[in-house]
């Protein structure tokens, strides 16, 4: 009942859980031994999360998705070229009014892979090419394991994010190695995951909540929130919304100019405009050691809710379009007797 009510107003129940986790971290932050235990738990949770990603991602689906190269190329360009360029432009124009961690966080949003679940769900609601959305989102996340850290080095090192190339070792141990292990064991683990989707979803989302709790606890103990004003929060939310609106408009216009079908256009718009919080928060925990992680992931959390609300409205608009009539058989075909 509560879930349906929240969905009616375009509110993601999981975002409520995230906000509650932030509130708990503000009231009862992990300190001392508790903080050490929390950090160790985060390390294990992130490795488990990417093991599950590897075990669920079908190599065949990725290969089939690559064959639709025009659609995949456009989504890839939106995710890893258009977004970063827009992020650099916005931070160049408005970054001087924001703390450096929020600036880094906004750029970090722009170099993350697309989402998987919500991209597929919205494409399905809008009566788009669900198969293409599945492949595109999967390929985006597969490439993101490598591309996002590389883009962090290229774009954020000069913005004072404090990223260290030593994080490459952590990425290999906590992301790549578990992901590869999941792929290798997929033949045996995959069927189990398909049969137990609800518990696996709890592990997925629980892992992210744990990372958020640890990040915001550390921020509370360090007193970083005294550096953020309501004006900062309002500006970063506005920049998130501008970023999303521009990408939605560009992907829609370009897909139509290039002659994609309406179904393909829907997949391109939804996959090319989203950023994955499920991958982003665990990655941030590895890529920004010793930084104010709570501030860095804040733009991502705000962007996540903005994209869900905007895409929910857009999906309903797409869904209301008239259904394409089925092709009528020709007169010659109607007169031809059917074969036995």
C-alpha atoms as a PDB file:
ATOM      1  CA  UNK A   1       0.000   0.000   0.000  1.00  0.00           C
ATOM      2  CA  UNK A   2       2.734   2.456   0.995  1.00  0.00           C
ATOM      3  CA  UNK A   3       4.812   1.482  -2.034  1.00  0.00           C
ATOM      4  CA  UNK A   4       1.891   2.125  -4.413  1.00  0.00           C
ATOM      5  CA  UNK A   5       1.175   5.491  -2.787  1.00  0.00           C
ATOM      6  CA  UNK A   6       4.789   6.613  -3.149  1.00  0.00           C
ATOM      7  CA  UNK A   7       4.910   5.405  -6.761  1.00  0.00           C
ATOM      8  CA  UNK A   8       1.779   7.425  -7.548  1.00  0.00           C
ATOM      9  CA  UNK A   9       3.632  10.615  -6.587  1.00  0.00           C
ATOM     10  CA  UNK A  10       6.806   9.600  -8.456  1.00  0.00           C
ATOM     11  CA  UNK A  11       8.736   8.896  -5.240  1.00  0.00           C
ATOM     12  CA  UNK A  12      11.178   5.988  -5.200  1.00  0.00           C
ATOM     13  CA  UNK A  13      10.732   4.047  -1.919  1.00  0.00           C
ATOM     14  CA  UNK A  14      14.412   3.205  -2.006  1.00  0.00           C
ATOM     15  CA  UNK A  15      15.268   6.896  -1.885  1.00  0.00           C
ATOM     16  CA  UNK A  16      13.243   7.096   1.329  1.00  0.00           C
ATOM     17  CA  UNK A  17      15.418   4.289   2.694  1.00  0.00           C
ATOM     18  CA  UNK A  18      18.531   6.220   1.643  1.00  0.00           C
ATOM     19  CA  UNK A  19      17.330   9.371   3.379  1.00  0.00           C
ATOM     20  CA  UNK A  20      16.540   7.341   6.490  1.00  0.00           C
ATOM     21  CA  UNK A  21      20.057   5.883   6.389  1.00  0.00           C
ATOM     22  CA  UNK A  22      21.521   9.391   6.203  1.00  0.00           C
ATOM     23  CA  UNK A  23      19.374  10.412   9.176  1.00  0.00           C
ATOM     24  CA  UNK A  24      20.568   7.414  11.208  1.00  0.00           C
ATOM     25  CA  UNK A  25      24.179   8.261  10.330  1.00  0.00           C
ATOM     26  CA  UNK A  26      23.581  11.839  11.481  1.00  0.00           C
ATOM     27  CA  UNK A  27      22.126  10.757  14.828  1.00  0.00           C
ATOM     28  CA  UNK A  28      24.219   7.626  15.453  1.00  0.00           C
ATOM     29  CA  UNK A  29      27.406   7.831  13.374  1.00  0.00           C
ATOM     30  CA  UNK A  30      29.882   4.956  13.550  1.00  0.00           C
ATOM     31  CA  UNK A  31      32.896   5.858  15.670  1.00  0.00           C
ATOM     32  CA  UNK A  32      36.089   4.142  16.782  1.00  0.00           C
ATOM     33  CA  UNK A  33      35.842   0.367  16.577  1.00  0.00           C
ATOM     34  CA  UNK A  34      32.358   0.703  15.116  1.00  0.00           C
ATOM     35  CA  UNK A  35      33.774   2.716  12.219  1.00  0.00           C
ATOM     36  CA  UNK A  36      36.466   0.087  11.589  1.00  0.00           C
ATOM     37  CA  UNK A  37      33.868  -2.682  11.540  1.00  0.00           C
ATOM     38  CA  UNK A  38      31.681  -0.592   9.238  1.00  0.00           C
ATOM     39  CA  UNK A  39      34.539  -0.021   6.780  1.00  0.00           C
ATOM     40  CA  UNK A  40      35.427  -3.742   6.731  1.00  0.00           C
ATOM     41  CA  UNK A  41      31.775  -4.591   6.127  1.00  0.00           C
ATOM     42  CA  UNK A  42      31.673  -2.107   3.239  1.00  0.00           C
ATOM     43  CA  UNK A  43      34.702  -3.767   1.622  1.00  0.00           C
ATOM     44  CA  UNK A  44      32.998  -7.169   1.759  1.00  0.00           C
ATOM     45  CA  UNK A  45      29.643  -5.761   0.617  1.00  0.00           C
ATOM     46  CA  UNK A  46      31.118  -4.050  -2.452  1.00  0.00           C
ATOM     47  CA  UNK A  47      32.943  -7.222  -3.503  1.00  0.00           C
ATOM     48  CA  UNK A  48      29.741  -9.245  -3.057  1.00  0.00           C
ATOM     49  CA  UNK A  49      27.745  -6.681  -5.012  1.00  0.00           C
ATOM     50  CA  UNK A  50      29.992  -6.908  -8.088  1.00  0.00           C
ATOM     51  CA  UNK A  51      30.188 -10.694  -7.818  1.00  0.00           C
ATOM     52  CA  UNK A  52      26.398 -10.764  -8.127  1.00  0.00           C
ATOM     53  CA  UNK A  53      26.556  -8.381 -11.097  1.00  0.00           C
ATOM     54  CA  UNK A  54      28.977 -10.729 -12.829  1.00  0.00           C
ATOM     55  CA  UNK A  55      26.906 -13.806 -12.046  1.00  0.00           C
ATOM     56  CA  UNK A  56      23.719 -12.266 -13.474  1.00  0.00           C
ATOM     57  CA  UNK A  57      25.091 -10.644 -16.627  1.00  0.00           C
ATOM     58  CA  UNK A  58      24.774 -12.918 -19.647  1.00  0.00           C
ATOM     59  CA  UNK A  59      27.761 -12.728 -22.027  1.00  0.00           C
ATOM     60  CA  UNK A  60      25.362 -13.658 -24.847  1.00  0.00           C
ATOM     61  CA  UNK A  61      23.166 -10.640 -24.050  1.00  0.00           C
ATOM     62  CA  UNK A  62      26.213  -8.383 -24.201  1.00  0.00           C
ATOM     63  CA  UNK A  63      27.292  -9.844 -27.546  1.00  0.00           C
ATOM     64  CA  UNK A  64      23.815  -9.506 -29.063  1.00  0.00           C
ATOM     65  CA  UNK A  65      23.662  -5.930 -27.831  1.00  0.00           C
ATOM     66  CA  UNK A  66      26.953  -5.087 -29.500  1.00  0.00           C
ATOM     67  CA  UNK A  67      25.539  -6.223 -32.851  1.00  0.00           C
ATOM     68  CA  UNK A  68      23.026  -3.340 -32.728  1.00  0.00           C
ATOM     69  CA  UNK A  69      26.011  -1.032 -33.041  1.00  0.00           C
ATOM     70  CA  UNK A  70      24.262   2.180 -34.101  1.00  0.00           C
ATOM     71  CA  UNK A  71      22.001   2.223 -31.056  1.00  0.00           C
ATOM     72  CA  UNK A  72      24.780   1.116 -28.702  1.00  0.00           C
ATOM     73  CA  UNK A  73      27.164   3.732 -30.090  1.00  0.00           C
ATOM     74  CA  UNK A  74      24.674   6.526 -29.467  1.00  0.00           C
ATOM     75  CA  UNK A  75      23.991   5.409 -25.883  1.00  0.00           C
ATOM     76  CA  UNK A  76      27.729   4.990 -25.284  1.00  0.00           C
ATOM     77  CA  UNK A  77      28.422   8.489 -26.653  1.00  0.00           C
ATOM     78  CA  UNK A  78      25.731   9.978 -24.422  1.00  0.00           C
ATOM     79  CA  UNK A  79      26.966   8.149 -21.319  1.00  0.00           C
ATOM     80  CA  UNK A  80      30.722   8.601 -21.669  1.00  0.00           C
ATOM     81  CA  UNK A  81      31.137  11.643 -23.965  1.00  0.00           C
ATOM     82  CA  UNK A  82      28.120  13.955 -23.770  1.00  0.00           C
ATOM     83  CA  UNK A  83      27.648  13.674 -20.011  1.00  0.00           C
ATOM     84  CA  UNK A  84      31.316  14.350 -19.136  1.00  0.00           C
ATOM     85  CA  UNK A  85      31.458  17.347 -21.485  1.00  0.00           C
ATOM     86  CA  UNK A  86      28.314  18.827 -19.951  1.00  0.00           C
ATOM     87  CA  UNK A  87      29.648  18.138 -16.462  1.00  0.00           C
ATOM     88  CA  UNK A  88      32.879  19.973 -17.213  1.00  0.00           C
ATOM     89  CA  UNK A  89      30.932  22.901 -18.686  1.00  0.00           C
ATOM     90  CA  UNK A  90      28.589  23.211 -15.688  1.00  0.00           C
ATOM     91  CA  UNK A  91      31.394  22.968 -13.142  1.00  0.00           C
ATOM     92  CA  UNK A  92      33.416  25.516 -15.084  1.00  0.00           C
ATOM     93  CA  UNK A  93      30.477  27.951 -14.981  1.00  0.00           C
ATOM     94  CA  UNK A  94      29.183  27.330 -11.441  1.00  0.00           C
ATOM     95  CA  UNK A  95      31.879  25.356  -9.622  1.00  0.00           C
ATOM     96  CA  UNK A  96      33.263  28.452  -7.950  1.00  0.00           C
ATOM     97  CA  UNK A  97      30.106  28.712  -5.836  1.00  0.00           C
ATOM     98  CA  UNK A  98      30.258  25.136  -4.545  1.00  0.00           C
ATOM     99  CA  UNK A  99      32.546  23.179  -2.187  1.00  0.00           C
ATOM    100  CA  UNK A 100      35.170  21.180  -4.082  1.00  0.00           C
ATOM    101  CA  UNK A 101      33.620  17.860  -2.971  1.00  0.00           C
ATOM    102  CA  UNK A 102      30.274  18.758  -4.553  1.00  0.00           C
ATOM    103  CA  UNK A 103      32.050  19.814  -7.743  1.00  0.00           C
ATOM    104  CA  UNK A 104      33.854  16.474  -7.828  1.00  0.00           C
ATOM    105  CA  UNK A 105      30.553  14.739  -7.093  1.00  0.00           C
ATOM    106  CA  UNK A 106      28.807  16.408 -10.019  1.00  0.00           C
ATOM    107  CA  UNK A 107      31.551  15.341 -12.430  1.00  0.00           C
ATOM    108  CA  UNK A 108      31.483  11.860 -10.908  1.00  0.00           C
ATOM    109  CA  UNK A 109      27.771  11.624 -11.761  1.00  0.00           C
ATOM    110  CA  UNK A 110      28.637  12.397 -15.371  1.00  0.00           C
ATOM    111  CA  UNK A 111      31.183   9.577 -15.780  1.00  0.00           C
ATOM    112  CA  UNK A 112      29.130   6.751 -14.304  1.00  0.00           C
ATOM    113  CA  UNK A 113      27.509   3.967 -16.356  1.00  0.00           C
ATOM    114  CA  UNK A 114      23.790   3.821 -17.053  1.00  0.00           C
ATOM    115  CA  UNK A 115      21.319   2.052 -14.798  1.00  0.00           C
ATOM    116  CA  UNK A 116      20.035  -1.431 -15.608  1.00  0.00           C
ATOM    117  CA  UNK A 117      16.782  -2.045 -13.749  1.00  0.00           C
ATOM    118  CA  UNK A 118      15.122   1.351 -14.159  1.00  0.00           C
ATOM    119  CA  UNK A 119      16.240   1.728 -17.793  1.00  0.00           C
ATOM    120  CA  UNK A 120      14.583  -1.582 -18.656  1.00  0.00           C
ATOM    121  CA  UNK A 121      11.500  -0.847 -16.544  1.00  0.00           C
ATOM    122  CA  UNK A 122      10.851   2.573 -18.096  1.00  0.00           C
ATOM    123  CA  UNK A 123      11.526   1.267 -21.610  1.00  0.00           C
ATOM    124  CA  UNK A 124       8.965  -1.472 -21.012  1.00  0.00           C
ATOM    125  CA  UNK A 125       6.369   0.980 -19.668  1.00  0.00           C
ATOM    126  CA  UNK A 126       6.919   3.227 -22.706  1.00  0.00           C
ATOM    127  CA  UNK A 127       6.534   0.252 -25.109  1.00  0.00           C
ATOM    128  CA  UNK A 128      10.083   0.587 -26.369  1.00  0.00           C
ATOM    129  CA  UNK A 129      12.779  -1.862 -27.432  1.00  0.00           C
ATOM    130  CA  UNK A 130      13.262  -3.720 -24.142  1.00  0.00           C
ATOM    131  CA  UNK A 131      15.853  -6.128 -25.554  1.00  0.00           C
ATOM    132  CA  UNK A 132      17.992  -3.222 -26.762  1.00  0.00           C
ATOM    133  CA  UNK A 133      17.642  -1.494 -23.381  1.00  0.00           C
ATOM    134  CA  UNK A 134      18.747  -4.646 -21.572  1.00  0.00           C
ATOM    135  CA  UNK A 135      21.797  -5.042 -23.792  1.00  0.00           C
ATOM    136  CA  UNK A 136      22.674  -1.352 -23.745  1.00  0.00           C
ATOM    137  CA  UNK A 137      22.479  -0.990 -19.977  1.00  0.00           C
ATOM    138  CA  UNK A 138      24.447  -4.206 -19.467  1.00  0.00           C
ATOM    139  CA  UNK A 139      27.184  -3.136 -21.884  1.00  0.00           C
ATOM    140  CA  UNK A 140      27.319   0.305 -20.267  1.00  0.00           C
ATOM    141  CA  UNK A 141      27.893  -1.200 -16.829  1.00  0.00           C
ATOM    142  CA  UNK A 142      30.448  -3.661 -18.153  1.00  0.00           C
ATOM    143  CA  UNK A 143      32.479  -0.866 -19.755  1.00  0.00           C
ATOM    144  CA  UNK A 144      31.936   1.361 -16.726  1.00  0.00           C
ATOM    145  CA  UNK A 145      33.995  -0.919 -14.512  1.00  0.00           C
ATOM    146  CA  UNK A 146      37.038   0.181 -16.521  1.00  0.00           C
ATOM    147  CA  UNK A 147      36.006   3.526 -18.034  1.00  0.00           C
ATOM    148  CA  UNK A 148      34.725   5.237 -14.891  1.00  0.00           C
ATOM    149  CA  UNK A 149      38.029   4.880 -12.975  1.00  0.00           C
ATOM    150  CA  UNK A 150      39.951   6.014 -16.065  1.00  0.00           C
ATOM    151  CA  UNK A 151      37.724   9.071 -16.433  1.00  0.00           C
ATOM    152  CA  UNK A 152      38.149   9.843 -12.734  1.00  0.00           C
ATOM    153  CA  UNK A 153      41.907   9.945 -13.299  1.00  0.00           C
ATOM    154  CA  UNK A 154      41.531  12.080 -16.437  1.00  0.00           C
ATOM    155  CA  UNK A 155      38.910  14.562 -15.220  1.00  0.00           C
ATOM    156  CA  UNK A 156      38.981  14.702 -11.446  1.00  0.00           C
ATOM    157  CA  UNK A 157      42.692  14.623 -10.680  1.00  0.00           C
ATOM    158  CA  UNK A 158      42.935  18.222 -11.842  1.00  0.00           C
ATOM    159  CA  UNK A 159      39.924  19.226  -9.743  1.00  0.00           C
ATOM    160  CA  UNK A 160      41.583  18.445  -6.439  1.00  0.00           C
ATOM    161  CA  UNK A 161      39.572  15.311  -5.739  1.00  0.00           C
ATOM    162  CA  UNK A 162      42.544  13.626  -4.179  1.00  0.00           C
ATOM    163  CA  UNK A 163      42.162  10.477  -6.288  1.00  0.00           C
ATOM    164  CA  UNK A 164      45.163   8.220  -5.967  1.00  0.00           C
ATOM    165  CA  UNK A 165      46.252   5.751  -8.621  1.00  0.00           C
ATOM    166  CA  UNK A 166      46.714   3.293  -5.745  1.00  0.00           C
ATOM    167  CA  UNK A 167      42.957   2.911  -5.930  1.00  0.00           C
ATOM    168  CA  UNK A 168      43.553   0.797  -9.051  1.00  0.00           C
ATOM    169  CA  UNK A 169      44.579  -2.066  -6.764  1.00  0.00           C
ATOM    170  CA  UNK A 170      41.388  -1.688  -4.766  1.00  0.00           C
ATOM    171  CA  UNK A 171      39.349  -1.624  -7.976  1.00  0.00           C
ATOM    172  CA  UNK A 172      40.986  -4.848  -9.132  1.00  0.00           C
ATOM    173  CA  UNK A 173      40.371  -6.595  -5.812  1.00  0.00           C
ATOM    174  CA  UNK A 174      36.912  -5.268  -4.968  1.00  0.00           C
ATOM    175  CA  UNK A 175      35.333  -4.850  -8.409  1.00  0.00           C
ATOM    176  CA  UNK A 176      37.104  -6.588 -11.288  1.00  0.00           C
ATOM    177  CA  UNK A 177      38.098  -9.798  -9.491  1.00  0.00           C
ATOM    178  CA  UNK A 178      34.624 -10.420  -7.980  1.00  0.00           C
ATOM    179  CA  UNK A 179      32.985  -9.530 -11.307  1.00  0.00           C
ATOM    180  CA  UNK A 180      35.170 -11.977 -13.241  1.00  0.00           C
ATOM    181  CA  UNK A 181      34.560 -14.635 -10.585  1.00  0.00           C
ATOM    182  CA  UNK A 182      30.826 -14.101 -10.982  1.00  0.00           C
ATOM    183  CA  UNK A 183      31.113 -14.513 -14.753  1.00  0.00           C
ATOM    184  CA  UNK A 184      33.140 -17.724 -14.377  1.00  0.00           C
ATOM    185  CA  UNK A 185      30.678 -19.182 -11.867  1.00  0.00           C
ATOM    186  CA  UNK A 186      27.575 -17.909 -13.638  1.00  0.00           C
ATOM    187  CA  UNK A 187      26.782 -21.350 -15.069  1.00  0.00           C
ATOM    188  CA  UNK A 188      26.256 -22.702 -11.546  1.00  0.00           C
ATOM    189  CA  UNK A 189      25.277 -19.579  -9.593  1.00  0.00           C
ATOM    190  CA  UNK A 190      23.025 -17.932 -12.213  1.00  0.00           C
ATOM    191  CA  UNK A 191      20.038 -20.316 -11.884  1.00  0.00           C
ATOM    192  CA  UNK A 192      20.056 -19.865  -8.105  1.00  0.00           C
ATOM    193  CA  UNK A 193      20.006 -16.077  -8.494  1.00  0.00           C
ATOM    194  CA  UNK A 194      17.096 -16.308 -10.943  1.00  0.00           C
ATOM    195  CA  UNK A 195      15.087 -18.361  -8.439  1.00  0.00           C
ATOM    196  CA  UNK A 196      15.799 -16.062  -5.489  1.00  0.00           C
ATOM    197  CA  UNK A 197      15.451 -12.549  -6.889  1.00  0.00           C
ATOM    198  CA  UNK A 198      13.892 -10.992  -3.768  1.00  0.00           C
ATOM    199  CA  UNK A 199      16.718 -11.932  -1.342  1.00  0.00           C
ATOM    200  CA  UNK A 200      19.320 -10.941  -3.940  1.00  0.00           C
ATOM    201  CA  UNK A 201      17.635  -7.547  -4.325  1.00  0.00           C
ATOM    202  CA  UNK A 202      17.896  -7.080  -0.567  1.00  0.00           C
ATOM    203  CA  UNK A 203      21.624  -7.842  -0.752  1.00  0.00           C
ATOM    204  CA  UNK A 204      22.016  -5.376  -3.660  1.00  0.00           C
ATOM    205  CA  UNK A 205      20.255  -2.507  -1.997  1.00  0.00           C
ATOM    206  CA  UNK A 206      21.430  -3.344   1.490  1.00  0.00           C
ATOM    207  CA  UNK A 207      25.033  -3.118   0.316  1.00  0.00           C
ATOM    208  CA  UNK A 208      24.477   0.396  -0.991  1.00  0.00           C
ATOM    209  CA  UNK A 209      22.732   1.465   2.221  1.00  0.00           C
ATOM    210  CA  UNK A 210      25.719   0.189   4.172  1.00  0.00           C
ATOM    211  CA  UNK A 211      28.121   2.227   2.012  1.00  0.00           C
ATOM    212  CA  UNK A 212      25.945   5.323   2.443  1.00  0.00           C
ATOM    213  CA  UNK A 213      25.830   4.851   6.218  1.00  0.00           C
ATOM    214  CA  UNK A 214      29.606   4.501   6.455  1.00  0.00           C
ATOM    215  CA  UNK A 215      30.193   7.522   4.200  1.00  0.00           C
ATOM    216  CA  UNK A 216      27.824   9.853   6.016  1.00  0.00           C
ATOM    217  CA  UNK A 217      28.987   8.627   9.425  1.00  0.00           C
ATOM    218  CA  UNK A 218      32.529   9.565   8.507  1.00  0.00           C
ATOM    219  CA  UNK A 219      31.310  12.958   7.347  1.00  0.00           C
ATOM    220  CA  UNK A 220      29.462  13.591  10.612  1.00  0.00           C
ATOM    221  CA  UNK A 221      32.489  12.649  12.714  1.00  0.00           C
ATOM    222  CA  UNK A 222      34.754  14.875  10.601  1.00  0.00           C
ATOM    223  CA  UNK A 223      32.282  17.775  10.713  1.00  0.00           C
ATOM    224  CA  UNK A 224      32.204  18.250   6.923  1.00  0.00           C
ATOM    225  CA  UNK A 225      28.502  19.162   6.845  1.00  0.00           C
ATOM    226  CA  UNK A 226      29.227  22.525   8.390  1.00  0.00           C
ATOM    227  CA  UNK A 227      30.716  23.444   4.988  1.00  0.00           C
ATOM    228  CA  UNK A 228      27.438  22.919   3.112  1.00  0.00           C
ATOM    229  CA  UNK A 229      24.639  25.483   3.041  1.00  0.00           C
ATOM    230  CA  UNK A 230      21.058  25.239   1.821  1.00  0.00           C
ATOM    231  CA  UNK A 231      22.150  27.376  -1.112  1.00  0.00           C
ATOM    232  CA  UNK A 232      24.770  24.756  -2.030  1.00  0.00           C
ATOM    233  CA  UNK A 233      22.156  22.009  -1.940  1.00  0.00           C
ATOM    234  CA  UNK A 234      19.729  24.057  -4.021  1.00  0.00           C
ATOM    235  CA  UNK A 235      22.371  24.841  -6.625  1.00  0.00           C
ATOM    236  CA  UNK A 236      23.581  21.248  -6.961  1.00  0.00           C
ATOM    237  CA  UNK A 237      19.979  20.043  -7.339  1.00  0.00           C
ATOM    238  CA  UNK A 238      19.369  22.690 -10.016  1.00  0.00           C
ATOM    239  CA  UNK A 239      22.523  21.652 -11.906  1.00  0.00           C
ATOM    240  CA  UNK A 240      21.455  17.992 -11.702  1.00  0.00           C
ATOM    241  CA  UNK A 241      18.083  18.878 -13.219  1.00  0.00           C
ATOM    242  CA  UNK A 242      19.631  21.019 -15.976  1.00  0.00           C
ATOM    243  CA  UNK A 243      22.064  18.226 -16.795  1.00  0.00           C
ATOM    244  CA  UNK A 244      19.269  15.660 -17.032  1.00  0.00           C
ATOM    245  CA  UNK A 245      17.009  17.915 -19.114  1.00  0.00           C
ATOM    246  CA  UNK A 246      19.746  18.702 -21.645  1.00  0.00           C
ATOM    247  CA  UNK A 247      20.688  15.034 -22.089  1.00  0.00           C
ATOM    248  CA  UNK A 248      17.050  13.968 -22.469  1.00  0.00           C
ATOM    249  CA  UNK A 249      16.530  16.630 -25.128  1.00  0.00           C
ATOM    250  CA  UNK A 250      19.720  15.830 -27.053  1.00  0.00           C
ATOM    251  CA  UNK A 251      19.205  12.052 -27.076  1.00  0.00           C
ATOM    252  CA  UNK A 252      15.614  12.511 -28.265  1.00  0.00           C
ATOM    253  CA  UNK A 253      16.526  14.926 -31.065  1.00  0.00           C
ATOM    254  CA  UNK A 254      19.576  12.987 -32.273  1.00  0.00           C
ATOM    255  CA  UNK A 255      17.798   9.616 -32.289  1.00  0.00           C
ATOM    256  CA  UNK A 256      15.012  11.105 -34.421  1.00  0.00           C
ATOM    257  CA  UNK A 257      17.420  12.854 -36.792  1.00  0.00           C
ATOM    258  CA  UNK A 258      19.286   9.573 -37.310  1.00  0.00           C
ATOM    259  CA  UNK A 259      16.088   7.785 -38.272  1.00  0.00           C
ATOM    260  CA  UNK A 260      15.721   5.357 -35.364  1.00  0.00           C
ATOM    261  CA  UNK A 261      12.340   3.741 -34.832  1.00  0.00           C
ATOM    262  CA  UNK A 262      10.212   5.010 -31.963  1.00  0.00           C
ATOM    263  CA  UNK A 263      10.975   1.832 -29.996  1.00  0.00           C
ATOM    264  CA  UNK A 264      14.722   2.309 -30.448  1.00  0.00           C
ATOM    265  CA  UNK A 265      14.413   6.005 -29.611  1.00  0.00           C
ATOM    266  CA  UNK A 266      12.808   5.103 -26.286  1.00  0.00           C
ATOM    267  CA  UNK A 267      15.653   2.726 -25.412  1.00  0.00           C
ATOM    268  CA  UNK A 268      18.239   5.353 -26.374  1.00  0.00           C
ATOM    269  CA  UNK A 269      16.577   8.111 -24.350  1.00  0.00           C
ATOM    270  CA  UNK A 270      16.156   6.058 -21.181  1.00  0.00           C
ATOM    271  CA  UNK A 271      19.517   4.267 -21.299  1.00  0.00           C
ATOM    272  CA  UNK A 272      21.467   7.315 -22.441  1.00  0.00           C
ATOM    273  CA  UNK A 273      20.121   9.705 -19.809  1.00  0.00           C
ATOM    274  CA  UNK A 274      20.489   7.669 -16.619  1.00  0.00           C
ATOM    275  CA  UNK A 275      23.320   7.204 -14.148  1.00  0.00           C
ATOM    276  CA  UNK A 276      23.665   4.194 -11.879  1.00  0.00           C
ATOM    277  CA  UNK A 277      23.596   4.813  -8.156  1.00  0.00           C
ATOM    278  CA  UNK A 278      23.911   1.056  -7.611  1.00  0.00           C
ATOM    279  CA  UNK A 279      27.354   1.098  -9.233  1.00  0.00           C
ATOM    280  CA  UNK A 280      28.272   4.690  -8.401  1.00  0.00           C
ATOM    281  CA  UNK A 281      28.191   4.663  -4.604  1.00  0.00           C
ATOM    282  CA  UNK A 282      30.324   1.494  -4.217  1.00  0.00           C
ATOM    283  CA  UNK A 283      32.765   2.825  -6.831  1.00  0.00           C
ATOM    284  CA  UNK A 284      33.021   6.163  -5.041  1.00  0.00           C
ATOM    285  CA  UNK A 285      33.907   4.342  -1.846  1.00  0.00           C
ATOM    286  CA  UNK A 286      36.942   2.858  -3.638  1.00  0.00           C
ATOM    287  CA  UNK A 287      37.906   5.755  -5.902  1.00  0.00           C
ATOM    288  CA  UNK A 288      37.961   8.498  -3.265  1.00  0.00           C
ATOM    289  CA  UNK A 289      39.791   7.107  -0.235  1.00  0.00           C
ATOM    290  CA  UNK A 290      40.186   9.587   2.582  1.00  0.00           C
ATOM    291  CA  UNK A 291      37.819  12.100   0.972  1.00  0.00           C
ATOM    292  CA  UNK A 292      34.498  13.561   2.158  1.00  0.00           C
ATOM    293  CA  UNK A 293      32.583  10.728   0.531  1.00  0.00           C
ATOM    294  CA  UNK A 294      29.212  11.861   1.862  1.00  0.00           C
ATOM    295  CA  UNK A 295      29.485  15.124  -0.068  1.00  0.00           C
ATOM    296  CA  UNK A 296      30.871  13.462  -3.197  1.00  0.00           C
ATOM    297  CA  UNK A 297      27.919  11.053  -3.525  1.00  0.00           C
ATOM    298  CA  UNK A 298      25.285  13.672  -2.631  1.00  0.00           C
ATOM    299  CA  UNK A 299      24.899  14.963  -6.242  1.00  0.00           C
ATOM    300  CA  UNK A 300      24.414  11.350  -7.373  1.00  0.00           C
ATOM    301  CA  UNK A 301      21.662  10.730  -4.822  1.00  0.00           C
ATOM    302  CA  UNK A 302      19.848  13.894  -5.914  1.00  0.00           C
ATOM    303  CA  UNK A 303      20.314  13.067  -9.607  1.00  0.00           C
ATOM    304  CA  UNK A 304      18.932   9.571  -8.970  1.00  0.00           C
ATOM    305  CA  UNK A 305      15.606  10.904  -7.708  1.00  0.00           C
ATOM    306  CA  UNK A 306      15.416  13.548 -10.447  1.00  0.00           C
ATOM    307  CA  UNK A 307      15.942  10.954 -13.186  1.00  0.00           C
ATOM    308  CA  UNK A 308      13.325   8.608 -11.735  1.00  0.00           C
ATOM    309  CA  UNK A 309      10.704  11.357 -11.545  1.00  0.00           C
ATOM    310  CA  UNK A 310      11.435  12.776 -15.010  1.00  0.00           C
ATOM    311  CA  UNK A 311      11.614   9.380 -16.720  1.00  0.00           C
ATOM    312  CA  UNK A 312       8.420   8.176 -15.035  1.00  0.00           C
ATOM    313  CA  UNK A 313       6.560  11.136 -16.541  1.00  0.00           C
ATOM    314  CA  UNK A 314       8.253  10.652 -19.922  1.00  0.00           C
ATOM    315  CA  UNK A 315       7.528   6.908 -19.980  1.00  0.00           C
ATOM    316  CA  UNK A 316       3.824   7.533 -19.393  1.00  0.00           C
ATOM    317  CA  UNK A 317       3.828  10.083 -22.203  1.00  0.00           C
ATOM    318  CA  UNK A 318       5.442   7.614 -24.598  1.00  0.00           C
ATOM    319  CA  UNK A 319       3.000   4.898 -23.500  1.00  0.00           C
ATOM    320  CA  UNK A 320       0.000   7.046 -24.463  1.00  0.00           C
ATOM    321  CA  UNK A 321       1.020   7.159 -28.130  1.00  0.00           C
ATOM    322  CA  UNK A 322      -1.310   5.262 -30.504  1.00  0.00           C
ATOM    323  CA  UNK A 323      -0.362   1.653 -31.088  1.00  0.00           C
ATOM    324  CA  UNK A 324       1.087   0.904 -34.507  1.00  0.00           C
ATOM    325  CA  UNK A 325      -1.511  -0.924 -36.614  1.00  0.00           C
ATOM    326  CA  UNK A 326      -0.537  -4.381 -37.747  1.00  0.00           C
ATOM    327  CA  UNK A 327       0.230  -4.719 -41.436  1.00  0.00           C
ATOM    328  CA  UNK A 328      -2.781  -5.898 -43.430  1.00  0.00           C
ATOM    329  CA  UNK A 329      -2.266  -8.837 -45.803  1.00  0.00           C
ATOM    330  CA  UNK A 330      -2.184  -7.875 -49.471  1.00  0.00           C
ATOM    331  CA  UNK A 331      -4.989  -8.812 -51.822  1.00  0.00           C
ATOM    332  CA  UNK A 332      -2.752 -11.298 -53.636  1.00  0.00           C
ATOM    333  CA  UNK A 333      -1.806 -12.928 -50.360  1.00  0.00           C
ATOM    334  CA  UNK A 334      -5.448 -13.170 -49.348  1.00  0.00           C
ATOM    335  CA  UNK A 335      -6.312 -14.960 -52.598  1.00  0.00           C
ATOM    336  CA  UNK A 336      -3.428 -17.404 -52.320  1.00  0.00           C
ATOM    337  CA  UNK A 337      -4.570 -20.684 -50.797  1.00  0.00           C
ATOM    338  CA  UNK A 338      -2.807 -21.684 -47.628  1.00  0.00           C
ATOM    339  CA  UNK A 339      -0.374 -24.539 -47.832  1.00  0.00           C
ATOM    340  CA  UNK A 340      -1.314 -27.712 -46.082  1.00  0.00           C
END
